[in-house]
Every structure is written in structure tokens, then in C-alpha cells.
N, C-alpha and C. Protein backbone atom coordinates (compact mmCIF):
# COMPACT_ATOMS: atom_id res chain seq x y z
N MET A 1 47.32 7.81 11.10
CA MET A 1 46.43 6.55 9.79
C MET A 1 46.35 7.18 8.97
N ASN A 2 46.81 6.04 8.22
CA ASN A 2 47.18 6.01 6.86
C ASN A 2 45.80 6.51 5.96
N HIS A 3 45.79 8.02 4.94
CA HIS A 3 44.82 8.70 4.63
C HIS A 3 44.33 8.03 3.37
N SER A 4 45.82 6.96 3.02
CA SER A 4 45.21 6.81 0.96
C SER A 4 44.99 5.55 1.22
N ILE A 5 44.64 4.79 2.13
CA ILE A 5 43.10 3.35 1.65
C ILE A 5 42.53 4.02 1.18
N GLU A 6 42.39 2.82 -0.66
CA GLU A 6 41.68 3.04 -1.16
C GLU A 6 40.72 1.52 -1.56
N PRO A 7 39.45 1.00 -1.82
CA PRO A 7 39.27 0.23 -1.66
C PRO A 7 39.16 -0.26 -3.16
N LYS A 8 40.00 -1.48 -3.37
CA LYS A 8 40.07 -1.53 -5.12
C LYS A 8 38.25 -2.15 -5.40
N THR A 9 37.95 -1.69 -6.76
CA THR A 9 36.85 -1.57 -6.96
C THR A 9 36.53 -2.36 -7.90
N ASN A 10 37.29 -3.79 -8.55
CA ASN A 10 37.50 -4.04 -9.69
C ASN A 10 36.30 -5.16 -9.32
N PRO A 11 35.54 -5.80 -10.27
CA PRO A 11 34.20 -6.14 -9.65
C PRO A 11 34.67 -7.99 -10.09
N ALA A 12 35.81 -8.51 -10.06
CA ALA A 12 36.55 -9.49 -10.07
C ALA A 12 36.38 -10.03 -8.69
N LEU A 13 36.93 -9.37 -7.65
CA LEU A 13 36.91 -8.71 -6.42
C LEU A 13 36.22 -8.64 -5.87
N SER A 14 34.70 -8.10 -6.01
CA SER A 14 33.73 -8.52 -5.36
C SER A 14 33.39 -9.82 -4.27
N ASN A 15 34.04 -11.04 -4.59
CA ASN A 15 33.26 -12.03 -3.97
C ASN A 15 34.64 -12.14 -2.60
N HIS A 16 35.84 -11.93 -2.97
CA HIS A 16 37.62 -11.66 -2.54
C HIS A 16 36.94 -11.94 -0.95
N SER A 17 37.94 -12.21 0.16
CA SER A 17 37.06 -11.62 1.45
C SER A 17 37.68 -10.36 2.10
N MET A 18 37.44 -9.75 2.64
CA MET A 18 37.54 -8.34 2.93
C MET A 18 39.58 -7.91 3.14
N ARG A 19 39.54 -9.00 4.00
CA ARG A 19 40.87 -9.22 4.38
C ARG A 19 41.73 -9.04 3.02
N ARG A 20 41.42 -9.70 1.73
CA ARG A 20 42.44 -9.86 0.62
C ARG A 20 41.64 -8.17 -0.25
N LEU A 21 40.46 -7.71 0.36
CA LEU A 21 39.73 -6.94 -0.57
C LEU A 21 40.69 -5.10 0.25
N VAL A 22 40.76 -5.16 1.12
CA VAL A 22 41.57 -4.45 1.91
C VAL A 22 42.12 -4.84 2.57
N PRO A 23 43.56 -4.95 2.55
CA PRO A 23 44.44 -5.45 3.55
C PRO A 23 44.42 -4.61 4.75
N GLU A 24 45.00 -3.67 4.17
CA GLU A 24 45.44 -1.77 4.82
C GLU A 24 44.39 -1.54 6.05
N LEU A 25 42.98 -1.52 5.56
CA LEU A 25 41.90 -1.18 6.51
C LEU A 25 41.62 -1.94 7.61
N ASP A 26 41.67 -3.44 6.78
CA ASP A 26 41.63 -4.57 7.92
C ASP A 26 42.35 -4.87 8.87
N GLN A 27 43.38 -4.62 8.95
CA GLN A 27 44.88 -4.30 9.74
C GLN A 27 44.26 -3.34 10.83
N LEU A 28 44.05 -2.29 9.25
CA LEU A 28 44.07 -1.43 11.16
C LEU A 28 42.96 -1.18 11.62
N LEU A 29 41.51 -1.68 11.20
CA LEU A 29 41.05 -2.18 12.61
C LEU A 29 41.06 -3.13 13.23
N ARG A 30 41.58 -4.23 13.21
CA ARG A 30 42.09 -5.11 14.47
C ARG A 30 43.62 -4.68 14.86
N ASP A 31 44.28 -3.90 14.29
CA ASP A 31 44.76 -2.88 15.90
C ASP A 31 44.15 -1.91 16.69
N LEU A 32 43.51 -1.41 15.63
CA LEU A 32 41.84 -1.09 16.67
C LEU A 32 40.89 -1.63 17.81
N HIS A 33 41.62 -3.30 17.43
CA HIS A 33 40.70 -4.00 18.79
C HIS A 33 38.91 -4.18 18.40
N VAL A 34 38.80 -3.89 16.77
CA VAL A 34 37.75 -3.50 16.53
C VAL A 34 37.24 -4.90 15.46
N ILE A 35 36.09 -5.00 15.86
CA ILE A 35 35.65 -6.97 15.41
C ILE A 35 34.43 -7.22 14.86
N HIS A 36 33.21 -6.13 14.49
CA HIS A 36 32.26 -5.70 14.04
C HIS A 36 32.30 -4.46 13.21
N VAL A 37 31.55 -4.22 11.71
CA VAL A 37 31.56 -2.33 11.67
C VAL A 37 30.25 -2.97 11.25
N GLN A 38 29.32 -2.30 10.55
CA GLN A 38 27.79 -2.08 9.75
C GLN A 38 27.94 -1.01 9.28
N VAL A 39 27.72 -0.80 8.16
CA VAL A 39 27.07 0.26 7.74
C VAL A 39 25.55 -0.12 6.77
N ASP A 40 24.49 1.36 7.79
CA ASP A 40 23.19 1.10 6.29
C ASP A 40 23.85 1.99 5.16
N TYR A 41 22.57 2.29 4.46
CA TYR A 41 22.33 2.76 2.96
C TYR A 41 21.06 2.63 2.24
N SER A 42 20.31 3.64 2.17
CA SER A 42 19.89 3.73 1.25
C SER A 42 19.08 5.26 0.66
N GLY A 43 18.51 4.86 -1.14
CA GLY A 43 18.65 6.08 -1.91
C GLY A 43 17.70 5.18 -2.07
N GLY A 44 16.90 6.35 -3.55
CA GLY A 44 16.20 6.41 -4.12
C GLY A 44 16.32 7.90 -4.92
N GLU A 45 15.71 7.88 -5.95
CA GLU A 45 15.59 9.40 -7.60
C GLU A 45 16.99 9.73 -7.35
N CYS A 46 18.07 8.55 -7.69
CA CYS A 46 19.22 9.16 -7.75
C CYS A 46 19.73 9.55 -6.43
N ARG A 47 19.10 9.67 -5.27
CA ARG A 47 19.99 10.28 -4.54
C ARG A 47 20.08 9.18 -3.61
N GLY A 48 21.04 9.52 -2.32
CA GLY A 48 21.60 8.22 -0.91
C GLY A 48 22.61 8.50 -0.18
N ASP A 49 21.95 8.13 0.65
CA ASP A 49 23.86 8.08 1.09
C ASP A 49 23.88 6.29 1.59
N LEU A 50 25.31 6.72 2.54
CA LEU A 50 25.60 5.65 3.27
C LEU A 50 25.50 6.80 4.75
N ASP A 51 24.86 5.41 6.18
CA ASP A 51 24.92 6.19 7.48
C ASP A 51 26.24 5.87 7.85
N ALA A 52 26.53 6.65 9.11
CA ALA A 52 27.08 6.81 9.63
C ALA A 52 28.01 5.15 10.02
N PRO A 53 29.01 4.65 10.01
CA PRO A 53 29.74 3.44 9.86
C PRO A 53 29.73 3.04 11.75
N LEU A 54 28.55 1.99 11.65
CA LEU A 54 28.51 1.60 13.50
C LEU A 54 29.95 0.83 14.06
N ILE A 55 30.94 0.51 14.64
CA ILE A 55 31.91 -0.04 14.83
C ILE A 55 31.59 -0.89 16.01
N THR A 56 32.15 -1.99 16.80
CA THR A 56 32.44 -2.77 17.97
C THR A 56 33.87 -3.44 18.20
N TYR A 57 33.52 -2.71 19.38
CA TYR A 57 35.64 -2.89 19.79
C TYR A 57 35.31 -4.84 20.45
N ALA A 58 36.62 -5.24 20.32
CA ALA A 58 36.28 -6.49 21.43
C ALA A 58 35.55 -6.81 22.53
N ASP A 59 36.19 -5.00 23.41
CA ASP A 59 35.37 -5.42 24.47
C ASP A 59 33.87 -5.15 24.31
N GLY A 60 32.98 -5.20 23.25
CA GLY A 60 32.05 -4.77 23.47
C GLY A 60 31.45 -3.87 22.44
N SER A 61 32.01 -2.29 23.20
CA SER A 61 31.77 -0.82 23.43
C SER A 61 31.19 -0.98 21.84
N PRO A 62 30.30 0.09 21.62
CA PRO A 62 30.21 0.11 19.82
C PRO A 62 30.57 2.16 20.20
N GLU A 63 30.44 1.87 18.59
CA GLU A 63 31.36 3.62 18.50
C GLU A 63 30.57 3.66 17.23
N LEU A 64 29.80 4.71 16.93
CA LEU A 64 29.39 5.29 15.31
C LEU A 64 30.55 6.06 15.38
N VAL A 65 30.66 5.83 14.13
CA VAL A 65 31.87 6.31 13.33
C VAL A 65 31.37 8.09 12.89
N ALA A 66 30.99 9.17 13.28
CA ALA A 66 29.87 10.13 12.69
C ALA A 66 30.75 11.29 11.63
N ASN A 67 32.76 11.09 12.04
CA ASN A 67 33.16 12.57 11.16
C ASN A 67 34.69 11.50 10.99
N GLY A 68 35.18 12.10 10.28
CA GLY A 68 36.83 13.25 10.01
C GLY A 68 36.93 11.62 8.88
N PRO A 69 37.78 11.53 8.67
CA PRO A 69 38.74 10.55 7.67
C PRO A 69 38.58 9.12 8.11
N PHE A 70 38.73 8.77 8.94
CA PHE A 70 37.93 7.34 9.49
C PHE A 70 36.81 6.62 8.93
N ASN A 71 35.57 7.63 8.83
CA ASN A 71 34.37 7.56 8.30
C ASN A 71 34.81 7.50 6.82
N ALA A 72 35.52 8.66 5.97
CA ALA A 72 35.79 8.16 5.02
C ALA A 72 36.09 7.74 4.86
N ILE A 73 37.08 6.65 4.65
CA ILE A 73 37.93 5.54 4.52
C ILE A 73 36.54 4.39 4.15
N LEU A 74 35.45 4.22 5.83
CA LEU A 74 34.80 3.41 5.76
C LEU A 74 33.71 3.59 4.91
N LYS A 75 33.13 5.01 4.39
CA LYS A 75 32.06 4.88 4.16
C LYS A 75 32.32 4.75 2.25
N ALA A 76 33.54 5.37 1.89
CA ALA A 76 34.20 4.85 0.71
C ALA A 76 34.46 3.04 0.02
N THR A 77 34.62 2.69 0.93
CA THR A 77 35.48 1.49 1.04
C THR A 77 33.66 0.17 0.52
N PHE A 78 32.58 0.29 1.47
CA PHE A 78 31.41 0.03 1.41
C PHE A 78 30.84 0.59 0.28
N ARG A 79 31.08 2.15 0.06
CA ARG A 79 30.14 2.02 -1.63
C ARG A 79 30.87 2.10 -2.70
N ALA A 80 32.18 1.50 -2.81
CA ALA A 80 32.91 1.02 -3.85
C ALA A 80 31.91 -0.40 -3.87
N LEU A 81 31.81 -1.25 -2.76
CA LEU A 81 31.20 -2.61 -2.93
C LEU A 81 29.78 -2.74 -3.92
N LEU A 82 29.35 -1.61 -2.77
CA LEU A 82 27.42 -1.36 -2.87
C LEU A 82 27.94 -0.94 -4.56
N LEU A 83 28.47 -0.25 -4.93
CA LEU A 83 28.15 0.08 -6.61
C LEU A 83 29.12 -1.00 -7.84
N VAL A 84 29.73 -2.34 -7.14
CA VAL A 84 29.55 -3.42 -7.69
C VAL A 84 28.42 -4.11 -7.73
N ARG A 85 28.37 -4.21 -6.52
CA ARG A 85 27.06 -5.34 -6.34
C ARG A 85 25.96 -4.64 -7.13
N HIS A 86 25.55 -3.05 -7.30
CA HIS A 86 24.04 -2.59 -7.31
C HIS A 86 24.82 -1.05 -7.89
N PRO A 87 24.98 -1.51 -8.71
CA PRO A 87 25.45 0.21 -10.09
C PRO A 87 24.17 1.29 -9.80
N VAL A 88 23.06 1.22 -9.53
CA VAL A 88 22.07 1.74 -9.98
C VAL A 88 20.90 1.80 -8.71
N TRP A 89 21.91 0.81 -7.27
CA TRP A 89 20.95 1.04 -6.40
C TRP A 89 19.95 2.12 -5.63
N ASN A 90 20.50 3.66 -6.06
CA ASN A 90 20.24 4.73 -5.98
C ASN A 90 19.07 5.16 -7.10
N ALA A 91 18.72 4.68 -8.48
CA ALA A 91 17.91 4.97 -8.41
C ALA A 91 16.41 4.46 -8.75
N GLY A 92 15.46 5.03 -9.97
CA GLY A 92 14.26 5.20 -9.13
C GLY A 92 13.42 5.13 -8.05
N SER A 93 12.82 3.96 -7.73
CA SER A 93 12.45 4.09 -6.55
C SER A 93 13.73 3.70 -4.98
N GLY A 94 14.71 3.27 -5.74
CA GLY A 94 15.85 3.07 -4.81
C GLY A 94 15.53 1.44 -4.49
N SER A 95 16.67 1.54 -3.08
CA SER A 95 16.80 0.49 -2.40
C SER A 95 17.40 0.80 -0.85
N CYS A 96 17.51 -0.16 0.24
CA CYS A 96 18.36 -0.15 1.50
C CYS A 96 19.20 -1.22 1.24
N GLY A 97 19.78 -1.02 3.00
CA GLY A 97 20.68 -2.79 2.73
C GLY A 97 21.71 -1.89 4.02
N THR A 98 21.98 -2.89 4.57
CA THR A 98 23.36 -3.20 4.99
C THR A 98 24.45 -4.05 5.03
N PHE A 99 26.18 -3.47 5.14
CA PHE A 99 26.58 -4.26 5.09
C PHE A 99 27.20 -4.09 6.53
N GLY A 100 27.88 -6.07 7.08
CA GLY A 100 28.00 -6.50 8.11
C GLY A 100 29.72 -6.74 8.18
N TRP A 101 30.21 -7.02 8.80
CA TRP A 101 32.10 -7.58 8.47
C TRP A 101 32.31 -7.80 9.90
N ASP A 102 32.36 -9.33 10.05
CA ASP A 102 32.85 -9.90 11.06
C ASP A 102 34.50 -9.74 11.13
N LEU A 103 35.20 -9.03 11.48
CA LEU A 103 36.65 -9.05 11.18
C LEU A 103 37.57 -10.08 12.15
N GLN A 104 36.26 -11.01 12.86
CA GLN A 104 37.21 -11.85 13.38
C GLN A 104 36.92 -13.36 12.87
N THR A 105 36.12 -13.39 11.65
CA THR A 105 35.83 -14.25 10.64
C THR A 105 36.02 -13.94 9.35
N ASP A 106 36.40 -12.84 8.96
CA ASP A 106 36.35 -12.10 7.98
C ASP A 106 35.44 -12.67 6.94
N ALA A 107 34.19 -12.32 7.79
CA ALA A 107 32.67 -12.63 6.91
C ALA A 107 32.42 -11.49 6.52
N LEU A 108 31.61 -11.23 5.10
CA LEU A 108 30.76 -10.15 5.01
C LEU A 108 29.42 -10.64 5.04
N THR A 109 28.73 -9.50 5.57
CA THR A 109 27.58 -9.94 4.91
C THR A 109 25.92 -8.72 4.10
N HIS A 110 26.05 -9.17 3.38
CA HIS A 110 25.24 -7.46 2.21
C HIS A 110 23.59 -8.07 2.36
N SER A 111 23.13 -7.40 3.14
CA SER A 111 21.79 -7.62 2.61
C SER A 111 21.56 -6.54 2.05
N HIS A 112 20.23 -6.28 0.92
CA HIS A 112 20.19 -5.45 -0.16
C HIS A 112 18.47 -5.69 -0.89
N CYS A 113 18.15 -4.61 -0.37
CA CYS A 113 16.40 -5.12 -0.69
C CYS A 113 15.79 -3.57 -1.52
N PRO A 114 15.54 -3.99 -2.74
CA PRO A 114 15.42 -2.81 -3.86
C PRO A 114 13.66 -1.87 -3.58
N VAL A 115 13.28 -1.66 -2.80
CA VAL A 115 12.23 -0.54 -2.49
C VAL A 115 11.13 -1.25 -3.09
N ASP A 116 10.88 -1.30 -4.49
CA ASP A 116 9.79 -1.79 -5.88
C ASP A 116 9.36 -3.22 -5.53
N GLU A 117 10.10 -4.10 -4.71
CA GLU A 117 10.10 -5.40 -4.57
C GLU A 117 10.18 -5.65 -3.22
N ALA A 118 8.66 -6.59 -3.28
CA ALA A 118 8.55 -7.51 -2.06
C ALA A 118 9.54 -8.58 -1.35
N SER A 119 10.64 -8.84 -2.19
CA SER A 119 11.36 -9.84 -1.84
C SER A 119 13.20 -9.07 -0.66
N GLU A 120 13.36 -9.54 -0.42
CA GLU A 120 14.29 -9.26 0.27
C GLU A 120 15.91 -10.54 -0.21
N SER A 121 16.45 -9.71 -0.50
CA SER A 121 17.76 -10.98 -1.05
C SER A 121 18.73 -11.04 -0.29
N MET A 122 19.63 -11.44 0.15
CA MET A 122 20.73 -11.81 1.41
C MET A 122 21.88 -12.34 0.08
N ILE A 123 22.51 -12.12 0.49
CA ILE A 123 23.88 -11.78 -0.47
C ILE A 123 24.88 -12.33 0.85
N HIS A 124 25.75 -13.47 0.92
CA HIS A 124 26.91 -13.57 2.01
C HIS A 124 27.92 -13.56 0.96
N TYR A 125 28.73 -12.75 1.09
CA TYR A 125 30.37 -12.52 0.75
C TYR A 125 31.57 -12.92 2.02
N GLY A 126 32.43 -12.98 1.69
CA GLY A 126 34.02 -13.52 1.92
C GLY A 126 33.50 -14.83 3.57
N CYS A 127 32.90 -15.57 3.09
CA CYS A 127 33.08 -16.76 3.78
C CYS A 127 33.71 -17.99 3.53
N GLU A 128 34.41 -18.14 3.95
CA GLU A 128 35.12 -19.63 3.05
C GLU A 128 34.45 -21.15 3.26
N GLY A 129 34.42 -21.44 2.65
CA GLY A 129 33.99 -22.64 2.22
C GLY A 129 32.36 -22.44 2.35
N LEU A 130 31.66 -22.02 1.76
CA LEU A 130 30.25 -21.70 0.92
C LEU A 130 30.11 -21.83 -0.40
């Protein structure tokens, strides 16, 4: 595995597809027959973290990526996106959310919910033609 995979954190890139944003990671996951990645996060009072990524393989089997460099690469990628979109995600009462990356369609869904607000905002990224 290439441990030098780094997400691009340029805010102008946050609306691009994941395949364009992190092509090496996209290729690595597709080579491993991964079809979906889900990462949940929550935080507040300037603390918080991303949960272990859950990946789903083409045969439908799930795997929780709990440790190691693969965990670090996935979490760093989604943390970078989160910081671009919601830089103060863990300030004050904080927020929670979920990233879902469908590698087959290259669609990224990001659901972000500030804890002190009653409404959740659903944001879609990486969807061609929308």
C-alpha cells in the first residue's frame, strides 16, 4: 500500500468527484474491490473524531477498518473534506455527520448536522449532472 496518499485540501476542490480529488486512494479501493466507504463523525467542545471507516466489498461483505495505515489514510481524507466544508465542526455544541462514498458511481454523500440546530442539512458532492 502506498502510505504517501494525501488528500488535497484546497477548498476549490471540495466540489469535485472523489476520483479527481484522491485518484490514488480511489484506485487502491477499486483494486481491492471496495464499492462503498462510510465514515461517521461527531464532536463538540473542540474535541471529536471520525469513527473507524466501514468499507463494503463487491461481494457485499462489510469490514470495519479499525487500525493501521489504511484507517489513517481514509480518516485523513474525510477529515480534510470535513475541515474544508465545516471548519468549526467540533466547536461549541459541535456537530455530527456521515460521509458515504459510492465508488461505483463516484458519488459522495455528506450529511452534516449541527448539534444545536433542529434541522439537518444534506449535501451531495461528486454527483455528475446535478
